[in-house]
Amino acid sequence: MSIHFELGRAKTDLATLPEKMLEYAFEVVVAQAELMKGYAQVFVPVETGSLRDSIRIERGGEGKQWRTVKVRAGGYVTNPKTGKLVDYAAFVEERFAFMRAAWIEVEGTIADMIKSQVVERVNE
């Protein structure tokens, strides 16, 4: 992906520009992760709702990976039928591909949104 913008009007210090670009891109990734989470919650088959309720966004990481964003399912929620934590997300994904379908919904727009967001914000 390449990004072009006018630096003549930008009031941003050039030394901080790469970091600011990463921040703007990260904002887009988080917003798209929220959208993906919503799609996954719509696409997942529901019996008790426990798996749907376990779909979440995890952010974090260490060092250069602190901007890691993951949409995950399973754990943290107890299934009322079994009394155990939801541990079957991978099996449901294998049969119904609800996470894959959610990813397909957002993947085509992420690069375009990052490009337009970064260019727009830098040119402000």
N, C-alpha and C. Protein backbone atom coordinates (compact mmCIF):
# COMPACT_ATOMS: atom_id res chain seq x y z
N MET A 1 0.85 -1.15 0.00
CA MET A 1 0.00 0.00 0.00
C MET A 1 0.90 1.22 0.00
N SER A 2 0.55 2.22 -0.79
CA SER A 2 1.30 3.47 -0.76
C SER A 2 0.35 4.60 -0.43
N ILE A 3 0.87 5.59 0.27
CA ILE A 3 0.06 6.72 0.72
C ILE A 3 0.74 8.00 0.27
N HIS A 4 -0.02 8.90 -0.35
CA HIS A 4 0.52 10.17 -0.81
C HIS A 4 -0.28 11.30 -0.18
N PHE A 5 0.41 12.34 0.28
CA PHE A 5 -0.26 13.50 0.85
C PHE A 5 0.63 14.73 0.70
N GLU A 6 0.02 15.87 0.83
CA GLU A 6 0.72 17.15 0.72
C GLU A 6 1.35 17.50 2.05
N LEU A 7 2.66 17.60 2.10
CA LEU A 7 3.33 17.99 3.33
C LEU A 7 3.43 19.51 3.45
N GLY A 8 3.21 20.23 2.36
CA GLY A 8 3.33 21.68 2.39
C GLY A 8 2.41 22.32 3.41
N ARG A 9 1.18 21.82 3.55
CA ARG A 9 0.23 22.42 4.49
C ARG A 9 0.26 21.75 5.84
N ALA A 10 0.85 20.59 5.94
CA ALA A 10 0.82 19.85 7.21
C ALA A 10 1.62 20.59 8.27
N LYS A 11 1.06 20.66 9.46
CA LYS A 11 1.74 21.33 10.57
C LYS A 11 2.35 20.31 11.52
N THR A 12 2.40 19.08 11.08
CA THR A 12 2.92 18.02 11.91
C THR A 12 4.44 17.97 11.82
N ASP A 13 5.09 17.82 12.92
CA ASP A 13 6.53 17.65 12.93
C ASP A 13 6.87 16.36 12.19
N LEU A 14 7.72 16.44 11.20
CA LEU A 14 8.05 15.27 10.37
C LEU A 14 8.63 14.12 11.19
N ALA A 15 9.31 14.41 12.27
CA ALA A 15 9.90 13.35 13.09
C ALA A 15 8.83 12.50 13.75
N THR A 16 7.66 13.07 14.01
CA THR A 16 6.59 12.31 14.68
C THR A 16 5.58 11.74 13.68
N LEU A 17 5.75 12.04 12.42
CA LEU A 17 4.78 11.61 11.42
C LEU A 17 4.58 10.09 11.37
N PRO A 18 5.65 9.28 11.33
CA PRO A 18 5.42 7.83 11.30
C PRO A 18 4.62 7.33 12.50
N GLU A 19 4.88 7.83 13.68
CA GLU A 19 4.14 7.40 14.87
C GLU A 19 2.68 7.81 14.77
N LYS A 20 2.43 9.03 14.30
CA LYS A 20 1.05 9.49 14.13
C LYS A 20 0.32 8.64 13.10
N MET A 21 1.00 8.27 12.04
CA MET A 21 0.39 7.43 11.00
C MET A 21 0.01 6.08 11.59
N LEU A 22 0.87 5.52 12.43
CA LEU A 22 0.55 4.26 13.09
C LEU A 22 -0.66 4.41 14.01
N GLU A 23 -0.75 5.52 14.72
CA GLU A 23 -1.89 5.76 15.60
C GLU A 23 -3.18 5.82 14.80
N TYR A 24 -3.16 6.54 13.67
CA TYR A 24 -4.36 6.65 12.85
C TYR A 24 -4.75 5.29 12.28
N ALA A 25 -3.77 4.53 11.83
CA ALA A 25 -4.04 3.19 11.30
C ALA A 25 -4.60 2.29 12.40
N PHE A 26 -4.07 2.42 13.60
CA PHE A 26 -4.55 1.62 14.73
C PHE A 26 -6.01 1.93 15.03
N GLU A 27 -6.39 3.19 14.95
CA GLU A 27 -7.79 3.57 15.16
C GLU A 27 -8.71 2.84 14.18
N VAL A 28 -8.28 2.77 12.93
CA VAL A 28 -9.07 2.08 11.91
C VAL A 28 -9.15 0.59 12.23
N VAL A 29 -8.04 -0.01 12.62
CA VAL A 29 -8.03 -1.44 12.92
C VAL A 29 -8.97 -1.76 14.09
N VAL A 30 -8.95 -0.93 15.13
CA VAL A 30 -9.83 -1.15 16.28
C VAL A 30 -11.29 -1.02 15.86
N ALA A 31 -11.61 -0.01 15.06
CA ALA A 31 -12.99 0.17 14.59
C ALA A 31 -13.44 -1.02 13.74
N GLN A 32 -12.57 -1.51 12.88
CA GLN A 32 -12.92 -2.66 12.04
C GLN A 32 -13.02 -3.94 12.88
N ALA A 33 -12.22 -4.05 13.93
CA ALA A 33 -12.32 -5.20 14.84
C ALA A 33 -13.68 -5.19 15.54
N GLU A 34 -14.15 -4.01 15.93
CA GLU A 34 -15.49 -3.90 16.55
C GLU A 34 -16.56 -4.37 15.57
N LEU A 35 -16.42 -3.95 14.32
CA LEU A 35 -17.37 -4.37 13.29
C LEU A 35 -17.30 -5.87 13.07
N MET A 36 -16.09 -6.42 13.01
CA MET A 36 -15.93 -7.86 12.83
C MET A 36 -16.55 -8.63 13.98
N LYS A 37 -16.36 -8.14 15.19
CA LYS A 37 -16.98 -8.77 16.37
C LYS A 37 -18.49 -8.83 16.21
N GLY A 38 -19.08 -7.73 15.78
CA GLY A 38 -20.53 -7.68 15.57
C GLY A 38 -20.99 -8.67 14.52
N TYR A 39 -20.27 -8.75 13.40
CA TYR A 39 -20.61 -9.73 12.36
C TYR A 39 -20.49 -11.15 12.91
N ALA A 40 -19.43 -11.43 13.63
CA ALA A 40 -19.23 -12.77 14.18
C ALA A 40 -20.39 -13.14 15.11
N GLN A 41 -20.86 -12.17 15.90
CA GLN A 41 -21.97 -12.44 16.81
C GLN A 41 -23.27 -12.69 16.04
N VAL A 42 -23.39 -12.13 14.86
CA VAL A 42 -24.56 -12.38 14.02
C VAL A 42 -24.44 -13.73 13.33
N PHE A 43 -23.25 -14.07 12.85
CA PHE A 43 -23.05 -15.29 12.06
C PHE A 43 -22.94 -16.57 12.89
N VAL A 44 -22.56 -16.47 14.16
CA VAL A 44 -22.35 -17.67 14.97
C VAL A 44 -23.69 -18.36 15.24
N PRO A 45 -23.73 -19.69 15.11
CA PRO A 45 -24.97 -20.40 15.47
C PRO A 45 -25.20 -20.30 16.98
N VAL A 46 -26.45 -20.14 17.38
CA VAL A 46 -26.76 -19.90 18.79
C VAL A 46 -27.63 -21.03 19.34
N GLU A 47 -27.15 -21.61 20.41
CA GLU A 47 -27.97 -22.57 21.16
C GLU A 47 -28.28 -21.96 22.52
N THR A 48 -27.25 -21.67 23.28
CA THR A 48 -27.46 -21.03 24.59
C THR A 48 -27.06 -19.56 24.57
N GLY A 49 -26.30 -19.15 23.57
CA GLY A 49 -25.80 -17.78 23.48
C GLY A 49 -24.45 -17.60 24.14
N SER A 50 -23.94 -18.65 24.76
CA SER A 50 -22.67 -18.54 25.47
C SER A 50 -21.50 -18.27 24.52
N LEU A 51 -21.47 -18.96 23.41
CA LEU A 51 -20.38 -18.73 22.45
C LEU A 51 -20.49 -17.32 21.89
N ARG A 52 -21.68 -16.91 21.53
CA ARG A 52 -21.87 -15.54 21.02
C ARG A 52 -21.40 -14.51 22.05
N ASP A 53 -21.75 -14.74 23.31
CA ASP A 53 -21.37 -13.80 24.36
C ASP A 53 -19.87 -13.79 24.64
N SER A 54 -19.18 -14.86 24.24
CA SER A 54 -17.74 -14.93 24.49
C SER A 54 -16.91 -14.22 23.42
N ILE A 55 -17.54 -13.80 22.32
CA ILE A 55 -16.82 -13.12 21.24
C ILE A 55 -16.43 -11.74 21.74
N ARG A 56 -15.14 -11.44 21.61
CA ARG A 56 -14.61 -10.21 22.19
C ARG A 56 -13.39 -9.73 21.41
N ILE A 57 -12.98 -8.52 21.72
CA ILE A 57 -11.76 -7.95 21.15
C ILE A 57 -10.72 -7.91 22.25
N GLU A 58 -9.55 -8.41 21.92
CA GLU A 58 -8.42 -8.35 22.85
C GLU A 58 -7.36 -7.46 22.24
N ARG A 59 -6.90 -6.52 23.04
CA ARG A 59 -5.85 -5.60 22.59
C ARG A 59 -4.67 -5.72 23.52
N GLY A 60 -3.50 -5.48 22.97
CA GLY A 60 -2.32 -5.50 23.82
C GLY A 60 -1.11 -6.03 23.10
N GLY A 61 -0.21 -6.56 23.86
CA GLY A 61 1.05 -7.04 23.33
C GLY A 61 2.18 -6.32 24.03
N GLU A 62 3.38 -6.72 23.74
CA GLU A 62 4.55 -6.12 24.38
C GLU A 62 5.48 -5.55 23.33
N GLY A 63 6.26 -4.58 23.74
CA GLY A 63 7.24 -3.99 22.83
C GLY A 63 6.56 -3.39 21.61
N LYS A 64 7.05 -3.73 20.46
CA LYS A 64 6.49 -3.21 19.23
C LYS A 64 5.13 -3.82 18.90
N GLN A 65 4.74 -4.83 19.64
CA GLN A 65 3.46 -5.51 19.39
C GLN A 65 2.33 -4.96 20.25
N TRP A 66 2.49 -3.82 20.91
CA TRP A 66 1.47 -3.32 21.83
C TRP A 66 0.18 -2.97 21.10
N ARG A 67 0.24 -2.81 19.81
CA ARG A 67 -0.98 -2.50 19.04
C ARG A 67 -1.69 -3.75 18.53
N THR A 68 -1.38 -4.89 19.03
CA THR A 68 -2.02 -6.12 18.59
C THR A 68 -3.51 -6.07 18.90
N VAL A 69 -4.33 -6.42 17.91
CA VAL A 69 -5.79 -6.46 18.07
C VAL A 69 -6.27 -7.81 17.56
N LYS A 70 -7.02 -8.52 18.40
CA LYS A 70 -7.54 -9.84 18.02
C LYS A 70 -9.03 -9.89 18.32
N VAL A 71 -9.78 -10.51 17.42
CA VAL A 71 -11.17 -10.82 17.69
C VAL A 71 -11.19 -12.31 18.02
N ARG A 72 -11.63 -12.64 19.24
CA ARG A 72 -11.55 -14.02 19.72
C ARG A 72 -12.89 -14.50 20.23
N ALA A 73 -13.03 -15.80 20.30
CA ALA A 73 -14.24 -16.42 20.84
C ALA A 73 -13.82 -17.56 21.75
N GLY A 74 -14.64 -17.80 22.76
CA GLY A 74 -14.37 -18.88 23.70
C GLY A 74 -13.75 -18.37 24.99
N GLY A 75 -13.93 -19.16 26.04
CA GLY A 75 -13.40 -18.77 27.35
C GLY A 75 -14.21 -17.65 27.96
N TYR A 76 -13.94 -17.35 29.19
CA TYR A 76 -14.51 -16.21 29.92
C TYR A 76 -16.02 -16.27 30.15
N VAL A 77 -16.74 -17.12 29.46
CA VAL A 77 -18.19 -17.23 29.61
C VAL A 77 -18.53 -18.68 29.92
N THR A 78 -19.42 -18.89 30.88
CA THR A 78 -19.82 -20.24 31.26
C THR A 78 -21.06 -20.65 30.48
N ASN A 79 -21.02 -21.84 29.92
CA ASN A 79 -22.18 -22.39 29.22
C ASN A 79 -23.17 -22.89 30.28
N PRO A 80 -24.41 -22.42 30.27
CA PRO A 80 -25.37 -22.84 31.30
C PRO A 80 -25.74 -24.32 31.23
N LYS A 81 -25.59 -24.94 30.06
CA LYS A 81 -25.90 -26.37 29.92
C LYS A 81 -24.85 -27.25 30.58
N THR A 82 -23.57 -26.86 30.41
CA THR A 82 -22.48 -27.71 30.90
C THR A 82 -21.87 -27.21 32.20
N GLY A 83 -22.07 -25.93 32.49
CA GLY A 83 -21.45 -25.35 33.68
C GLY A 83 -19.95 -25.13 33.52
N LYS A 84 -19.46 -25.26 32.28
CA LYS A 84 -18.03 -25.09 32.01
C LYS A 84 -17.82 -23.86 31.12
N LEU A 85 -16.57 -23.38 31.13
CA LEU A 85 -16.23 -22.28 30.24
C LEU A 85 -16.42 -22.72 28.79
N VAL A 86 -16.80 -21.79 27.95
CA VAL A 86 -16.96 -22.07 26.53
C VAL A 86 -15.58 -22.43 25.97
N ASP A 87 -15.42 -23.67 25.55
CA ASP A 87 -14.13 -24.14 25.04
C ASP A 87 -14.26 -24.81 23.68
N TYR A 88 -15.36 -24.56 23.01
CA TYR A 88 -15.64 -25.27 21.76
C TYR A 88 -15.70 -24.33 20.55
N ALA A 89 -15.19 -23.12 20.68
CA ALA A 89 -15.26 -22.14 19.59
C ALA A 89 -14.59 -22.68 18.32
N ALA A 90 -13.45 -23.32 18.45
CA ALA A 90 -12.73 -23.84 17.28
C ALA A 90 -13.53 -24.92 16.55
N PHE A 91 -14.25 -25.73 17.31
CA PHE A 91 -15.07 -26.78 16.69
C PHE A 91 -16.24 -26.19 15.93
N VAL A 92 -16.86 -25.16 16.50
CA VAL A 92 -17.98 -24.49 15.83
C VAL A 92 -17.47 -23.75 14.59
N GLU A 93 -16.32 -23.09 14.72
CA GLU A 93 -15.72 -22.38 13.58
C GLU A 93 -15.43 -23.36 12.44
N GLU A 94 -14.96 -24.54 12.78
CA GLU A 94 -14.65 -25.54 11.75
C GLU A 94 -15.89 -25.92 10.94
N ARG A 95 -17.02 -26.00 11.59
CA ARG A 95 -18.26 -26.40 10.90
C ARG A 95 -19.00 -25.23 10.26
N PHE A 96 -18.97 -24.05 10.90
CA PHE A 96 -19.80 -22.95 10.44
C PHE A 96 -19.02 -21.70 9.98
N ALA A 97 -17.74 -21.65 10.24
CA ALA A 97 -16.85 -20.56 9.79
C ALA A 97 -17.42 -19.17 10.07
N PHE A 98 -17.96 -18.95 11.25
CA PHE A 98 -18.55 -17.66 11.59
C PHE A 98 -17.51 -16.56 11.70
N MET A 99 -16.32 -16.86 12.21
CA MET A 99 -15.25 -15.87 12.29
C MET A 99 -14.69 -15.57 10.89
N ARG A 100 -14.53 -16.58 10.11
CA ARG A 100 -14.03 -16.39 8.74
C ARG A 100 -15.00 -15.51 7.96
N ALA A 101 -16.30 -15.77 8.10
CA ALA A 101 -17.30 -14.95 7.41
C ALA A 101 -17.24 -13.50 7.88
N ALA A 102 -17.04 -13.30 9.16
CA ALA A 102 -16.93 -11.94 9.70
C ALA A 102 -15.69 -11.25 9.15
N TRP A 103 -14.57 -11.97 9.06
CA TRP A 103 -13.34 -11.41 8.50
C TRP A 103 -13.56 -11.01 7.04
N ILE A 104 -14.23 -11.84 6.28
CA ILE A 104 -14.48 -11.55 4.87
C ILE A 104 -15.27 -10.25 4.72
N GLU A 105 -16.17 -9.99 5.65
CA GLU A 105 -16.97 -8.77 5.60
C GLU A 105 -16.13 -7.51 5.77
N VAL A 106 -15.06 -7.57 6.55
CA VAL A 106 -14.28 -6.35 6.84
C VAL A 106 -12.95 -6.26 6.11
N GLU A 107 -12.40 -7.36 5.65
CA GLU A 107 -11.04 -7.33 5.12
C GLU A 107 -10.86 -6.44 3.90
N GLY A 108 -11.85 -6.33 3.08
CA GLY A 108 -11.71 -5.54 1.86
C GLY A 108 -11.63 -4.05 2.09
N THR A 109 -12.10 -3.58 3.22
CA THR A 109 -12.12 -2.14 3.45
C THR A 109 -11.00 -1.65 4.36
N ILE A 110 -10.33 -2.53 5.04
CA ILE A 110 -9.34 -2.08 6.03
C ILE A 110 -8.22 -1.26 5.39
N ALA A 111 -7.61 -1.75 4.34
CA ALA A 111 -6.50 -1.02 3.71
C ALA A 111 -6.97 0.32 3.17
N ASP A 112 -8.11 0.36 2.51
CA ASP A 112 -8.64 1.62 1.98
C ASP A 112 -8.94 2.60 3.09
N MET A 113 -9.51 2.12 4.19
CA MET A 113 -9.83 3.00 5.31
C MET A 113 -8.56 3.54 5.96
N ILE A 114 -7.56 2.69 6.11
CA ILE A 114 -6.29 3.15 6.69
C ILE A 114 -5.69 4.24 5.80
N LYS A 115 -5.66 3.97 4.52
CA LYS A 115 -5.08 4.94 3.59
C LYS A 115 -5.82 6.27 3.67
N SER A 116 -7.14 6.26 3.58
CA SER A 116 -7.88 7.51 3.59
C SER A 116 -7.80 8.21 4.94
N GLN A 117 -7.83 7.45 6.03
CA GLN A 117 -7.75 8.04 7.38
C GLN A 117 -6.40 8.70 7.60
N VAL A 118 -5.33 8.03 7.22
CA VAL A 118 -3.98 8.58 7.42
C VAL A 118 -3.81 9.84 6.58
N VAL A 119 -4.18 9.79 5.32
CA VAL A 119 -4.03 10.95 4.45
C VAL A 119 -4.86 12.11 4.96
N GLU A 120 -6.09 11.86 5.35
CA GLU A 120 -6.97 12.91 5.84
C GLU A 120 -6.41 13.55 7.11
N ARG A 121 -5.98 12.72 8.05
CA ARG A 121 -5.50 13.25 9.33
C ARG A 121 -4.18 13.99 9.18
N VAL A 122 -3.29 13.51 8.32
CA VAL A 122 -2.00 14.17 8.14
C VAL A 122 -2.19 15.52 7.44
N ASN A 123 -3.14 15.59 6.52
CA ASN A 123 -3.37 16.83 5.80
C ASN A 123 -4.13 17.87 6.63
N GLU A 124 -4.63 17.52 7.81
CA GLU A 124 -5.37 18.48 8.63
C GLU A 124 -4.48 19.59 9.12
